[in-house]
Amino acid sequence: MDDKDTIVDRLYKRNAKRIELLEKQRKLKEEINVSNEQLDYFNGIFKEKSDTIEMALNKVESLEEALMLSHFENIKKELYDLQNFVATSSFFLKDYSIRKSQAVIQNLQTRSIELEKTYLPKKKFGFRNKSTLKKHDDILKDSSADIVDNNIKAANKIKWDTFSCGFTNRKNEKLILDSENVSGKDVHLSRIDNCVVIIKGSPATMHLDNVLNSTILCGPVSTSVFMDNCNTCKMALACQQLRCHSSIDCNIYLHVTSKAIIEDSHGIQVAPYNLKYEGMNEDYVTSSLDLNKNNWDSLDDFNWLAADVRSPNWRVLDESLRISNWSAYV
């Protein structure tokens, strides 16, 4: 009797495991299907938007001069919308897809800048005095090679000034960027060690790469903040989305309107965003962030698969350990 019970029990357990395995396979298949559907949707929309920008750029040469300015303004808006679309989709995209999309956007931005540099200045010569004409004639006497070279250098400078700003390879410093420098731009902080970085304004995106032992205080970011290899830092960040990769022991005072994502990270502690400075209300308006929507204490960990148990790689920062007033830094 005992042997039969044992056999029945074993058969029951084996069948239960088989059913459990089948259920896991079913759920995995559903997740893959959903992921593929999301990727197909993203690729379709991204191609449509980027093709629209490409056609607008191709149209520049045939436009009347009076329409140039508004045409380039529309292109900039389309580029910004495309950046925003990639940023808000990045929670389900692989790093390769994000990099590929960013490369397409960068190429479109570069071409837009070069075309704007070539065609928009023409309207400045509608009313010119003799000295201006003389200077222009002198320029025309330069060799074609010099003109092309100078245009490339100027375009590269404008590309950086227009779309990006930030700091790299800095140590033991207090670094400050104000609204005039950052609003609407991509802010990059790379290889920063033991620094205090104050960013007032509303950046388009923010990239933190190899930031160590530092304090980063930033106004509201219009789209996403990307952290990679940030260790032992204190940060105040407000954004649509936070993506934290390969980072350790960071305290993040956070306002995020979608769920923040961590990956290959641990020791992440979060608290509500509490940075204040003069002009911040205007920066929030510029960023279009929803002040009433904040998921600061709801993070997704891509390395933690248990749905019913919270990831041990992040936790809410104890109130007694929080910095309540950043005025000493700002």
C-alpha atoms as a PDB file:
ATOM      1  CA  MET A   1       0.000   0.000   0.000  1.00  0.00           C
ATOM      2  CA  ASP A   2       2.790   2.397   0.865  1.00  0.00           C
ATOM      3  CA  ASP A   3       4.612   1.585  -2.390  1.00  0.00           C
ATOM      4  CA  LYS A   4       1.451   2.330  -4.434  1.00  0.00           C
ATOM      5  CA  ASP A   5       0.972   5.612  -2.594  1.00  0.00           C
ATOM      6  CA  THR A   6       4.582   6.504  -3.305  1.00  0.00           C
ATOM      7  CA  ILE A   7       4.177   5.703  -7.017  1.00  0.00           C
ATOM      8  CA  VAL A   8       0.942   7.684  -7.243  1.00  0.00           C
ATOM      9  CA  ASP A   9       2.545  10.567  -5.393  1.00  0.00           C
ATOM     10  CA  ARG A  10       5.531  10.559  -7.747  1.00  0.00           C
ATOM     11  CA  LEU A  11       3.260  10.460 -10.780  1.00  0.00           C
ATOM     12  CA  TYR A  12       1.226  13.341  -9.374  1.00  0.00           C
ATOM     13  CA  LYS A  13       4.329  15.449  -8.740  1.00  0.00           C
ATOM     14  CA  ARG A  14       5.740  14.635 -12.171  1.00  0.00           C
ATOM     15  CA  ASN A  15       2.464  15.644 -13.809  1.00  0.00           C
ATOM     16  CA  ALA A  16       2.343  18.846 -11.738  1.00  0.00           C
ATOM     17  CA  LYS A  17       5.861  19.752 -12.860  1.00  0.00           C
ATOM     18  CA  ARG A  18       4.929  19.037 -16.477  1.00  0.00           C
ATOM     19  CA  ILE A  19       1.894  21.314 -16.199  1.00  0.00           C
ATOM     20  CA  GLU A  20       4.019  24.001 -14.536  1.00  0.00           C
ATOM     21  CA  LEU A  21       6.622  23.758 -17.309  1.00  0.00           C
ATOM     22  CA  LEU A  22       3.944  23.983 -20.004  1.00  0.00           C
ATOM     23  CA  GLU A  23       2.486  27.048 -18.293  1.00  0.00           C
ATOM     24  CA  LYS A  24       5.912  28.715 -18.140  1.00  0.00           C
ATOM     25  CA  GLN A  25       6.446  27.954 -21.829  1.00  0.00           C
ATOM     26  CA  ARG A  26       3.024  29.406 -22.643  1.00  0.00           C
ATOM     27  CA  LYS A  27       3.737  32.603 -20.697  1.00  0.00           C
ATOM     28  CA  LEU A  28       7.188  32.920 -22.271  1.00  0.00           C
ATOM     29  CA  LYS A  29       5.656  32.528 -25.733  1.00  0.00           C
ATOM     30  CA  GLU A  30       3.086  35.209 -24.910  1.00  0.00           C
ATOM     31  CA  GLU A  31       5.822  37.552 -23.666  1.00  0.00           C
ATOM     32  CA  ILE A  32       7.856  36.954 -26.844  1.00  0.00           C
ATOM     33  CA  ASN A  33       4.785  37.617 -28.995  1.00  0.00           C
ATOM     34  CA  VAL A  34       4.027  40.839 -27.106  1.00  0.00           C
ATOM     35  CA  SER A  35       7.674  41.906 -27.353  1.00  0.00           C
ATOM     36  CA  ASN A  36       7.689  41.218 -31.105  1.00  0.00           C
ATOM     37  CA  GLU A  37       4.441  43.132 -31.554  1.00  0.00           C
ATOM     38  CA  GLN A  38       5.877  46.096 -29.632  1.00  0.00           C
ATOM     39  CA  LEU A  39       9.059  46.014 -31.728  1.00  0.00           C
ATOM     40  CA  ASP A  40       7.107  45.769 -34.998  1.00  0.00           C
ATOM     41  CA  TYR A  41       4.954  48.724 -33.941  1.00  0.00           C
ATOM     42  CA  PHE A  42       8.036  50.752 -32.966  1.00  0.00           C
ATOM     43  CA  ASN A  43       9.887  49.964 -36.210  1.00  0.00           C
ATOM     44  CA  GLY A  44       6.847  50.900 -38.284  1.00  0.00           C
ATOM     45  CA  ILE A  45       6.261  54.230 -36.549  1.00  0.00           C
ATOM     46  CA  PHE A  46       9.982  55.057 -36.439  1.00  0.00           C
ATOM     47  CA  LYS A  47      10.370  54.416 -40.178  1.00  0.00           C
ATOM     48  CA  GLU A  48       7.305  56.511 -40.954  1.00  0.00           C
ATOM     49  CA  LYS A  49       8.557  59.442 -38.857  1.00  0.00           C
ATOM     50  CA  SER A  50      12.159  59.265 -40.070  1.00  0.00           C
ATOM     51  CA  ASP A  51      11.008  58.971 -43.701  1.00  0.00           C
ATOM     52  CA  THR A  52       8.878  62.086 -43.226  1.00  0.00           C
ATOM     53  CA  ILE A  53      11.930  64.000 -41.970  1.00  0.00           C
ATOM     54  CA  GLU A  54      14.047  62.622 -44.824  1.00  0.00           C
ATOM     55  CA  MET A  55      11.494  63.844 -47.383  1.00  0.00           C
ATOM     56  CA  ALA A  56      11.394  67.261 -45.717  1.00  0.00           C
ATOM     57  CA  LEU A  57      15.192  67.488 -45.956  1.00  0.00           C
ATOM     58  CA  ASN A  58      15.108  66.448 -49.620  1.00  0.00           C
ATOM     59  CA  LYS A  59      12.608  69.233 -50.278  1.00  0.00           C
ATOM     60  CA  VAL A  60      14.854  72.022 -48.960  1.00  0.00           C
ATOM     61  CA  GLU A  61      16.717  72.711 -52.219  1.00  0.00           C
ATOM     62  CA  SER A  62      13.487  73.375 -54.123  1.00  0.00           C
ATOM     63  CA  LEU A  63      11.871  75.669 -51.530  1.00  0.00           C
ATOM     64  CA  GLU A  64      11.381  79.379 -51.916  1.00  0.00           C
ATOM     65  CA  GLU A  65      13.639  81.410 -49.652  1.00  0.00           C
ATOM     66  CA  ALA A  66      10.688  82.922 -47.775  1.00  0.00           C
ATOM     67  CA  LEU A  67       9.586  79.433 -46.655  1.00  0.00           C
ATOM     68  CA  MET A  68      12.996  78.213 -45.468  1.00  0.00           C
ATOM     69  CA  LEU A  69      12.840  79.358 -41.845  1.00  0.00           C
ATOM     70  CA  SER A  70       9.444  77.834 -41.073  1.00  0.00           C
ATOM     71  CA  HIS A  71      10.421  74.651 -42.938  1.00  0.00           C
ATOM     72  CA  PHE A  72      13.534  74.155 -40.791  1.00  0.00           C
ATOM     73  CA  GLU A  73      11.527  74.892 -37.634  1.00  0.00           C
ATOM     74  CA  ASN A  74       9.112  72.101 -38.604  1.00  0.00           C
ATOM     75  CA  ILE A  75      12.032  69.739 -39.212  1.00  0.00           C
ATOM     76  CA  LYS A  76      13.436  70.508 -35.740  1.00  0.00           C
ATOM     77  CA  LYS A  77      10.036  69.780 -34.213  1.00  0.00           C
ATOM     78  CA  GLU A  78       9.794  66.466 -36.085  1.00  0.00           C
ATOM     79  CA  LEU A  79      13.316  65.526 -34.909  1.00  0.00           C
ATOM     80  CA  TYR A  80      12.405  66.342 -31.315  1.00  0.00           C
ATOM     81  CA  ASP A  81       9.215  64.254 -31.575  1.00  0.00           C
ATOM     82  CA  LEU A  82      11.238  61.366 -33.012  1.00  0.00           C
ATOM     83  CA  GLN A  83      13.754  61.591 -30.141  1.00  0.00           C
ATOM     84  CA  ASN A  84      10.892  61.592 -27.679  1.00  0.00           C
ATOM     85  CA  PHE A  85       9.308  58.544 -29.350  1.00  0.00           C
ATOM     86  CA  VAL A  86      12.548  56.549 -29.015  1.00  0.00           C
ATOM     87  CA  ALA A  87      13.008  57.645 -25.395  1.00  0.00           C
ATOM     88  CA  THR A  88       9.493  56.644 -24.349  1.00  0.00           C
ATOM     89  CA  SER A  89       9.834  53.301 -26.180  1.00  0.00           C
ATOM     90  CA  SER A  90      13.223  52.406 -24.737  1.00  0.00           C
ATOM     91  CA  PHE A  91      11.780  50.404 -21.841  1.00  0.00           C
ATOM     92  CA  PHE A  92      11.036  47.501 -24.233  1.00  0.00           C
ATOM     93  CA  LEU A  93      13.828  48.076 -26.766  1.00  0.00           C
ATOM     94  CA  LYS A  94      17.150  46.264 -26.747  1.00  0.00           C
ATOM     95  CA  ASP A  95      20.300  48.377 -26.489  1.00  0.00           C
ATOM     96  CA  TYR A  96      21.093  47.587 -30.135  1.00  0.00           C
ATOM     97  CA  SER A  97      17.744  48.979 -31.311  1.00  0.00           C
ATOM     98  CA  ILE A  98      18.208  52.122 -29.228  1.00  0.00           C
ATOM     99  CA  ARG A  99      21.712  52.718 -30.588  1.00  0.00           C
ATOM    100  CA  LYS A 100      20.545  52.063 -34.164  1.00  0.00           C
ATOM    101  CA  SER A 101      17.646  54.500 -33.779  1.00  0.00           C
ATOM    102  CA  GLN A 102      19.850  57.155 -32.206  1.00  0.00           C
ATOM    103  CA  ALA A 103      22.315  56.818 -35.082  1.00  0.00           C
ATOM    104  CA  VAL A 104      19.523  57.457 -37.610  1.00  0.00           C
ATOM    105  CA  ILE A 105      18.381  60.514 -35.634  1.00  0.00           C
ATOM    106  CA  GLN A 106      21.947  61.815 -35.386  1.00  0.00           C
ATOM    107  CA  ASN A 107      22.401  61.498 -39.147  1.00  0.00           C
ATOM    108  CA  LEU A 108      19.158  63.374 -39.772  1.00  0.00           C
ATOM    109  CA  GLN A 109      20.173  66.076 -37.287  1.00  0.00           C
ATOM    110  CA  THR A 110      23.587  66.468 -38.932  1.00  0.00           C
ATOM    111  CA  ARG A 111      22.073  66.765 -42.383  1.00  0.00           C
ATOM    112  CA  SER A 112      19.503  69.291 -41.139  1.00  0.00           C
ATOM    113  CA  ILE A 113      22.239  71.434 -39.591  1.00  0.00           C
ATOM    114  CA  GLU A 114      24.358  71.336 -42.750  1.00  0.00           C
ATOM    115  CA  LEU A 115      21.383  72.276 -44.963  1.00  0.00           C
ATOM    116  CA  GLU A 116      20.355  75.061 -42.605  1.00  0.00           C
ATOM    117  CA  LYS A 117      23.894  76.394 -42.618  1.00  0.00           C
ATOM    118  CA  THR A 118      23.905  76.358 -46.421  1.00  0.00           C
ATOM    119  CA  TYR A 119      20.493  77.845 -47.192  1.00  0.00           C
ATOM    120  CA  LEU A 120      19.289  80.002 -44.294  1.00  0.00           C
ATOM    121  CA  PRO A 121      22.121  82.616 -44.399  1.00  0.00           C
ATOM    122  CA  LYS A 122      20.899  83.718 -47.841  1.00  0.00           C
ATOM    123  CA  LYS A 123      18.095  85.720 -46.267  1.00  0.00           C
ATOM    124  CA  LYS A 124      20.649  87.778 -44.315  1.00  0.00           C
ATOM    125  CA  PHE A 125      21.876  89.435 -47.512  1.00  0.00           C
ATOM    126  CA  GLY A 126      18.605  91.132 -48.383  1.00  0.00           C
ATOM    127  CA  PHE A 127      19.905  94.497 -47.135  1.00  0.00           C
ATOM    128  CA  ARG A 128      23.670  94.871 -47.200  1.00  0.00           C
ATOM    129  CA  ASN A 129      25.992  97.814 -47.123  1.00  0.00           C
ATOM    130  CA  LYS A 130      29.128  98.102 -49.229  1.00  0.00           C
ATOM    131  CA  SER A 131      31.437  96.858 -46.500  1.00  0.00           C
ATOM    132  CA  THR A 132      29.356  93.715 -46.112  1.00  0.00           C
ATOM    133  CA  LEU A 133      29.431  93.172 -49.862  1.00  0.00           C
ATOM    134  CA  LYS A 134      33.185  93.607 -49.858  1.00  0.00           C
ATOM    135  CA  LYS A 135      33.625  91.009 -47.119  1.00  0.00           C
ATOM    136  CA  HIS A 136      31.392  88.620 -48.985  1.00  0.00           C
ATOM    137  CA  ASP A 137      33.408  89.124 -52.197  1.00  0.00           C
ATOM    138  CA  ASP A 138      36.599  88.425 -50.265  1.00  0.00           C
ATOM    139  CA  ILE A 139      35.147  85.163 -49.019  1.00  0.00           C
ATOM    140  CA  LEU A 140      34.249  84.149 -52.553  1.00  0.00           C
ATOM    141  CA  LYS A 141      37.890  84.571 -53.533  1.00  0.00           C
ATOM    142  CA  ASP A 142      38.918  81.815 -51.121  1.00  0.00           C
ATOM    143  CA  SER A 143      39.655  78.418 -52.569  1.00  0.00           C
ATOM    144  CA  SER A 144      36.778  75.913 -52.720  1.00  0.00           C
ATOM    145  CA  ALA A 145      38.716  73.512 -50.519  1.00  0.00           C
ATOM    146  CA  ASP A 146      39.063  76.121 -47.761  1.00  0.00           C
ATOM    147  CA  ILE A 147      35.373  77.015 -47.912  1.00  0.00           C
ATOM    148  CA  VAL A 148      34.291  73.370 -47.675  1.00  0.00           C
ATOM    149  CA  ASP A 149      36.702  72.761 -44.807  1.00  0.00           C
ATOM    150  CA  ASN A 150      35.478  75.822 -42.925  1.00  0.00           C
ATOM    151  CA  ASN A 151      31.843  74.842 -43.467  1.00  0.00           C
ATOM    152  CA  ILE A 152      32.457  71.360 -42.091  1.00  0.00           C
ATOM    153  CA  LYS A 153      34.169  72.766 -38.996  1.00  0.00           C
ATOM    154  CA  ALA A 154      31.367  75.276 -38.485  1.00  0.00           C
ATOM    155  CA  ALA A 155      28.709  72.604 -38.924  1.00  0.00           C
ATOM    156  CA  ASN A 156      30.399  70.354 -36.366  1.00  0.00           C
ATOM    157  CA  LYS A 157      30.561  73.211 -33.879  1.00  0.00           C
ATOM    158  CA  ILE A 158      26.906  74.093 -34.433  1.00  0.00           C
ATOM    159  CA  LYS A 159      25.957  70.433 -34.103  1.00  0.00           C
ATOM    160  CA  TRP A 160      27.488  70.296 -30.616  1.00  0.00           C
ATOM    161  CA  ASP A 161      26.232  73.726 -29.552  1.00  0.00           C
ATOM    162  CA  THR A 162      22.716  73.083 -30.853  1.00  0.00           C
ATOM    163  CA  PHE A 163      22.030  69.592 -29.603  1.00  0.00           C
ATOM    164  CA  SER A 164      24.514  68.748 -26.835  1.00  0.00           C
ATOM    165  CA  CYS A 165      26.404  70.102 -23.875  1.00  0.00           C
ATOM    166  CA  GLY A 166      28.047  68.734 -20.748  1.00  0.00           C
ATOM    167  CA  PHE A 167      31.338  67.772 -19.130  1.00  0.00           C
ATOM    168  CA  THR A 168      33.867  64.983 -19.558  1.00  0.00           C
ATOM    169  CA  ASN A 169      37.056  63.928 -17.745  1.00  0.00           C
ATOM    170  CA  ARG A 170      36.498  66.148 -14.708  1.00  0.00           C
ATOM    171  CA  LYS A 171      37.589  65.480 -11.133  1.00  0.00           C
ATOM    172  CA  ASN A 172      37.181  67.269  -7.773  1.00  0.00           C
ATOM    173  CA  GLU A 173      35.226  70.211  -9.224  1.00  0.00           C
ATOM    174  CA  LYS A 174      31.910  72.004  -8.885  1.00  0.00           C
ATOM    175  CA  LEU A 175      30.396  72.158 -12.375  1.00  0.00           C
ATOM    176  CA  ILE A 176      27.392  74.317 -13.296  1.00  0.00           C
ATOM    177  CA  LEU A 177      25.162  74.557 -16.363  1.00  0.00           C
ATOM    178  CA  ASP A 178      22.326  77.097 -16.458  1.00  0.00           C
ATOM    179  CA  SER A 179      19.027  77.151 -18.328  1.00  0.00           C
ATOM    180  CA  GLU A 180      20.432  79.098 -21.265  1.00  0.00           C
ATOM    181  CA  ASN A 181      23.001  76.351 -21.895  1.00  0.00           C
ATOM    182  CA  VAL A 182      20.885  73.225 -21.409  1.00  0.00           C
ATOM    183  CA  SER A 183      17.231  73.864 -22.315  1.00  0.00           C
ATOM    184  CA  GLY A 184      16.177  71.634 -25.198  1.00  0.00           C
ATOM    185  CA  LYS A 185      19.631  70.031 -25.477  1.00  0.00           C
ATOM    186  CA  ASP A 186      21.102  66.615 -24.718  1.00  0.00           C
ATOM    187  CA  VAL A 187      23.284  66.793 -21.613  1.00  0.00           C
ATOM    188  CA  HIS A 188      26.233  64.377 -21.417  1.00  0.00           C
ATOM    189  CA  LEU A 189      28.299  63.759 -18.279  1.00  0.00           C
ATOM    190  CA  SER A 190      31.147  61.322 -18.879  1.00  0.00           C
ATOM    191  CA  ARG A 191      34.057  60.191 -16.676  1.00  0.00           C
ATOM    192  CA  ILE A 192      33.132  62.458 -13.777  1.00  0.00           C
ATOM    193  CA  ASP A 193      34.830  61.718 -10.438  1.00  0.00           C
ATOM    194  CA  ASN A 194      34.137  63.314  -7.049  1.00  0.00           C
ATOM    195  CA  CYS A 195      32.322  66.330  -8.495  1.00  0.00           C
ATOM    196  CA  VAL A 196      29.187  68.313  -7.733  1.00  0.00           C
ATOM    197  CA  VAL A 197      27.244  69.000 -10.935  1.00  0.00           C
ATOM    198  CA  ILE A 198      24.393  71.552 -10.902  1.00  0.00           C
ATOM    199  CA  ILE A 199      22.141  71.646 -13.981  1.00  0.00           C
ATOM    200  CA  LYS A 200      19.393  74.269 -14.011  1.00  0.00           C
ATOM    201  CA  GLY A 201      17.008  74.240 -16.928  1.00  0.00           C
ATOM    202  CA  SER A 202      15.127  71.611 -18.931  1.00  0.00           C
ATOM    203  CA  PRO A 203      17.385  69.301 -20.985  1.00  0.00           C
ATOM    204  CA  ALA A 204      15.870  67.178 -23.769  1.00  0.00           C
ATOM    205  CA  THR A 205      17.700  64.064 -22.521  1.00  0.00           C
ATOM    206  CA  MET A 206      20.490  63.318 -20.088  1.00  0.00           C
ATOM    207  CA  HIS A 207      23.278  60.724 -20.363  1.00  0.00           C
ATOM    208  CA  LEU A 208      25.444  59.782 -17.380  1.00  0.00           C
ATOM    209  CA  ASP A 209      28.399  57.539 -18.159  1.00  0.00           C
ATOM    210  CA  ASN A 210      31.124  56.513 -15.686  1.00  0.00           C
ATOM    211  CA  VAL A 211      30.143  58.963 -12.969  1.00  0.00           C
ATOM    212  CA  LEU A 212      31.799  58.166  -9.625  1.00  0.00           C
ATOM    213  CA  ASN A 213      31.456  59.510  -6.070  1.00  0.00           C
ATOM    214  CA  SER A 214      29.568  62.558  -7.315  1.00  0.00           C
ATOM    215  CA  THR A 215      26.434  64.594  -6.651  1.00  0.00           C
ATOM    216  CA  ILE A 216      24.276  65.313  -9.719  1.00  0.00           C
ATOM    217  CA  LEU A 217      21.415  67.794  -9.311  1.00  0.00           C
ATOM    218  CA  CYS A 218      19.333  68.367 -12.430  1.00  0.00           C
ATOM    219  CA  GLY A 219      16.194  70.267 -13.348  1.00  0.00           C
ATOM    220  CA  PRO A 220      13.289  68.525 -15.135  1.00  0.00           C
ATOM    221  CA  VAL A 221      14.350  66.543 -18.224  1.00  0.00           C
ATOM    222  CA  SER A 222      11.805  66.493 -21.070  1.00  0.00           C
ATOM    223  CA  THR A 223      12.301  62.821 -21.956  1.00  0.00           C
ATOM    224  CA  SER A 224      14.759  60.264 -20.558  1.00  0.00           C
ATOM    225  CA  VAL A 225      17.766  59.956 -18.281  1.00  0.00           C
ATOM    226  CA  PHE A 226      20.229  57.165 -19.104  1.00  0.00           C
ATOM    227  CA  MET A 227      22.683  56.027 -16.421  1.00  0.00           C
ATOM    228  CA  ASP A 228      25.553  53.673 -17.203  1.00  0.00           C
ATOM    229  CA  ASN A 229      28.350  52.683 -14.785  1.00  0.00           C
ATOM    230  CA  CYS A 230      27.459  55.227 -12.109  1.00  0.00           C
ATOM    231  CA  ASN A 231      28.795  54.293  -8.675  1.00  0.00           C
ATOM    232  CA  THR A 232      28.368  55.780  -5.194  1.00  0.00           C
ATOM    233  CA  CYS A 233      26.479  58.871  -6.320  1.00  0.00           C
ATOM    234  CA  LYS A 234      23.694  61.101  -5.036  1.00  0.00           C
ATOM    235  CA  MET A 235      21.318  62.335  -7.735  1.00  0.00           C
ATOM    236  CA  ALA A 236      18.188  64.462  -8.003  1.00  0.00           C
ATOM    237  CA  LEU A 237      16.480  63.655 -11.310  1.00  0.00           C
ATOM    238  CA  ALA A 238      13.082  64.483 -12.820  1.00  0.00           C
ATOM    239  CA  CYS A 239      12.162  62.905 -16.172  1.00  0.00           C
ATOM    240  CA  GLN A 240       9.674  60.868 -18.167  1.00  0.00           C
ATOM    241  CA  GLN A 241      11.813  57.760 -17.879  1.00  0.00           C
ATOM    242  CA  LEU A 242      14.936  56.650 -16.031  1.00  0.00           C
ATOM    243  CA  ARG A 243      17.035  53.767 -17.333  1.00  0.00           C
ATOM    244  CA  CYS A 244      19.828  52.708 -14.999  1.00  0.00           C
ATOM    245  CA  HIS A 245      22.406  50.198 -16.246  1.00  0.00           C
ATOM    246  CA  SER A 246      25.436  48.654 -14.487  1.00  0.00           C
ATOM    247  CA  SER A 247      25.318  51.079 -11.554  1.00  0.00           C
ATOM    248  CA  ILE A 248      26.036  50.516  -7.865  1.00  0.00           C
ATOM    249  CA  ASP A 249      25.168  52.231  -4.569  1.00  0.00           C
ATOM    250  CA  CYS A 250      23.377  55.309  -5.882  1.00  0.00           C
ATOM    251  CA  ASN A 251      20.793  57.367  -3.984  1.00  0.00           C
ATOM    252  CA  ILE A 252      18.340  58.838  -6.472  1.00  0.00           C
ATOM    253  CA  TYR A 253      15.833  61.541  -5.517  1.00  0.00           C
ATOM    254  CA  LEU A 254      13.389  60.882  -8.296  1.00  0.00           C
ATOM    255  CA  HIS A 255      10.397  62.261 -10.127  1.00  0.00           C
ATOM    256  CA  VAL A 256       9.531  59.932 -13.010  1.00  0.00           C
ATOM    257  CA  THR A 257       6.234  59.804 -14.878  1.00  0.00           C
ATOM    258  CA  SER A 258       6.691  56.240 -16.161  1.00  0.00           C
ATOM    259  CA  LYS A 259       8.293  53.313 -14.358  1.00  0.00           C
ATOM    260  CA  ALA A 260      12.030  53.605 -13.882  1.00  0.00           C
ATOM    261  CA  ILE A 261      14.095  50.651 -15.105  1.00  0.00           C
ATOM    262  CA  ILE A 262      17.257  49.189 -13.596  1.00  0.00           C
ATOM    263  CA  GLU A 263      19.434  46.511 -15.170  1.00  0.00           C
ATOM    264  CA  ASP A 264      22.646  44.862 -13.931  1.00  0.00           C
ATOM    265  CA  SER A 265      22.538  47.238 -10.959  1.00  0.00           C
ATOM    266  CA  HIS A 266      22.328  46.932  -7.186  1.00  0.00           C
ATOM    267  CA  GLY A 267      22.350  49.113  -4.092  1.00  0.00           C
ATOM    268  CA  ILE A 268      19.953  51.591  -5.745  1.00  0.00           C
ATOM    269  CA  GLN A 269      17.977  53.644  -3.208  1.00  0.00           C
ATOM    270  CA  VAL A 270      15.181  56.030  -4.187  1.00  0.00           C
ATOM    271  CA  ALA A 271      13.395  58.948  -2.547  1.00  0.00           C
ATOM    272  CA  PRO A 272      11.010  61.657  -3.815  1.00  0.00           C
ATOM    273  CA  TYR A 273      12.575  64.414  -5.924  1.00  0.00           C
ATOM    274  CA  ASN A 274      13.052  67.461  -3.694  1.00  0.00           C
ATOM    275  CA  LEU A 275      15.402  69.770  -5.584  1.00  0.00           C
ATOM    276  CA  LYS A 276      14.382  73.436  -5.645  1.00  0.00           C
ATOM    277  CA  TYR A 277      15.909  76.474  -7.308  1.00  0.00           C
ATOM    278  CA  GLU A 278      14.759  79.794  -8.709  1.00  0.00           C
ATOM    279  CA  GLY A 279      13.037  79.388 -12.057  1.00  0.00           C
ATOM    280  CA  MET A 280      12.219  75.682 -11.594  1.00  0.00           C
ATOM    281  CA  ASN A 281       8.477  76.201 -12.211  1.00  0.00           C
ATOM    282  CA  GLU A 282       9.251  77.611 -15.665  1.00  0.00           C
ATOM    283  CA  ASP A 283      11.537  74.639 -16.352  1.00  0.00           C
ATOM    284  CA  TYR A 284       8.725  72.224 -15.450  1.00  0.00           C
ATOM    285  CA  VAL A 285       6.450  74.007 -17.922  1.00  0.00           C
ATOM    286  CA  THR A 286       9.126  73.723 -20.615  1.00  0.00           C
ATOM    287  CA  SER A 287       9.669  70.014 -19.906  1.00  0.00           C
ATOM    288  CA  SER A 288       5.904  69.205 -20.000  1.00  0.00           C
ATOM    289  CA  LEU A 289       6.392  66.757 -17.113  1.00  0.00           C
ATOM    290  CA  ASP A 290       3.243  65.996 -15.124  1.00  0.00           C
ATOM    291  CA  LEU A 291       3.793  67.215 -11.570  1.00  0.00           C
ATOM    292  CA  ASN A 292       0.910  65.059 -10.343  1.00  0.00           C
ATOM    293  CA  LYS A 293       2.297  61.811 -11.731  1.00  0.00           C
ATOM    294  CA  ASN A 294       5.328  60.368  -9.970  1.00  0.00           C
ATOM    295  CA  ASN A 295       6.368  56.691  -9.860  1.00  0.00           C
ATOM    296  CA  TRP A 296       9.524  57.328  -7.836  1.00  0.00           C
ATOM    297  CA  ASP A 297       9.011  54.215  -5.677  1.00  0.00           C
ATOM    298  CA  SER A 298       7.987  51.786  -8.447  1.00  0.00           C
ATOM    299  CA  LEU A 299      11.019  50.422 -10.312  1.00  0.00           C
ATOM    300  CA  ASP A 300      11.297  47.520 -12.748  1.00  0.00           C
ATOM    301  CA  ASP A 301      14.406  45.355 -12.497  1.00  0.00           C
ATOM    302  CA  PHE A 302      15.163  43.534 -15.749  1.00  0.00           C
ATOM    303  CA  ASN A 303      17.333  41.052 -13.832  1.00  0.00           C
ATOM    304  CA  TRP A 304      14.583  40.073 -11.374  1.00  0.00           C
ATOM    305  CA  LEU A 305      11.906  37.734 -12.727  1.00  0.00           C
ATOM    306  CA  ALA A 306       9.858  36.993  -9.605  1.00  0.00           C
ATOM    307  CA  ALA A 307       6.576  38.865  -9.997  1.00  0.00           C
ATOM    308  CA  ASP A 308       5.416  38.432  -6.398  1.00  0.00           C
ATOM    309  CA  VAL A 309       8.698  39.439  -4.687  1.00  0.00           C
ATOM    310  CA  ARG A 310      10.316  42.848  -5.013  1.00  0.00           C
ATOM    311  CA  SER A 311      13.837  42.981  -6.381  1.00  0.00           C
ATOM    312  CA  PRO A 312      16.580  43.136  -3.718  1.00  0.00           C
ATOM    313  CA  ASN A 313      18.612  45.394  -6.003  1.00  0.00           C
ATOM    314  CA  TRP A 314      16.699  48.542  -5.042  1.00  0.00           C
ATOM    315  CA  ARG A 315      14.810  49.921  -2.080  1.00  0.00           C
ATOM    316  CA  VAL A 316      13.259  53.115  -0.722  1.00  0.00           C
ATOM    317  CA  LEU A 317      15.804  55.291   1.058  1.00  0.00           C
ATOM    318  CA  ASP A 318      15.076  55.589   4.763  1.00  0.00           C
ATOM    319  CA  GLU A 319      13.616  59.011   5.615  1.00  0.00           C
ATOM    320  CA  SER A 320      16.187  59.564   8.354  1.00  0.00           C
ATOM    321  CA  LEU A 321      18.981  59.257   5.780  1.00  0.00           C
ATOM    322  CA  ARG A 322      17.502  61.598   3.175  1.00  0.00           C
ATOM    323  CA  ILE A 323      18.876  65.032   2.336  1.00  0.00           C
ATOM    324  CA  SER A 324      15.963  67.394   2.920  1.00  0.00           C
ATOM    325  CA  ASN A 325      17.625  70.596   1.711  1.00  0.00           C
ATOM    326  CA  TRP A 326      19.950  70.814  -1.293  1.00  0.00           C
ATOM    327  CA  SER A 327      20.494  74.561  -0.883  1.00  0.00           C
ATOM    328  CA  ALA A 328      24.042  74.050   0.375  1.00  0.00           C
ATOM    329  CA  TYR A 329      24.897  72.509  -3.016  1.00  0.00           C
ATOM    330  CA  VAL A 330      22.844  74.770  -5.279  1.00  0.00           C
END
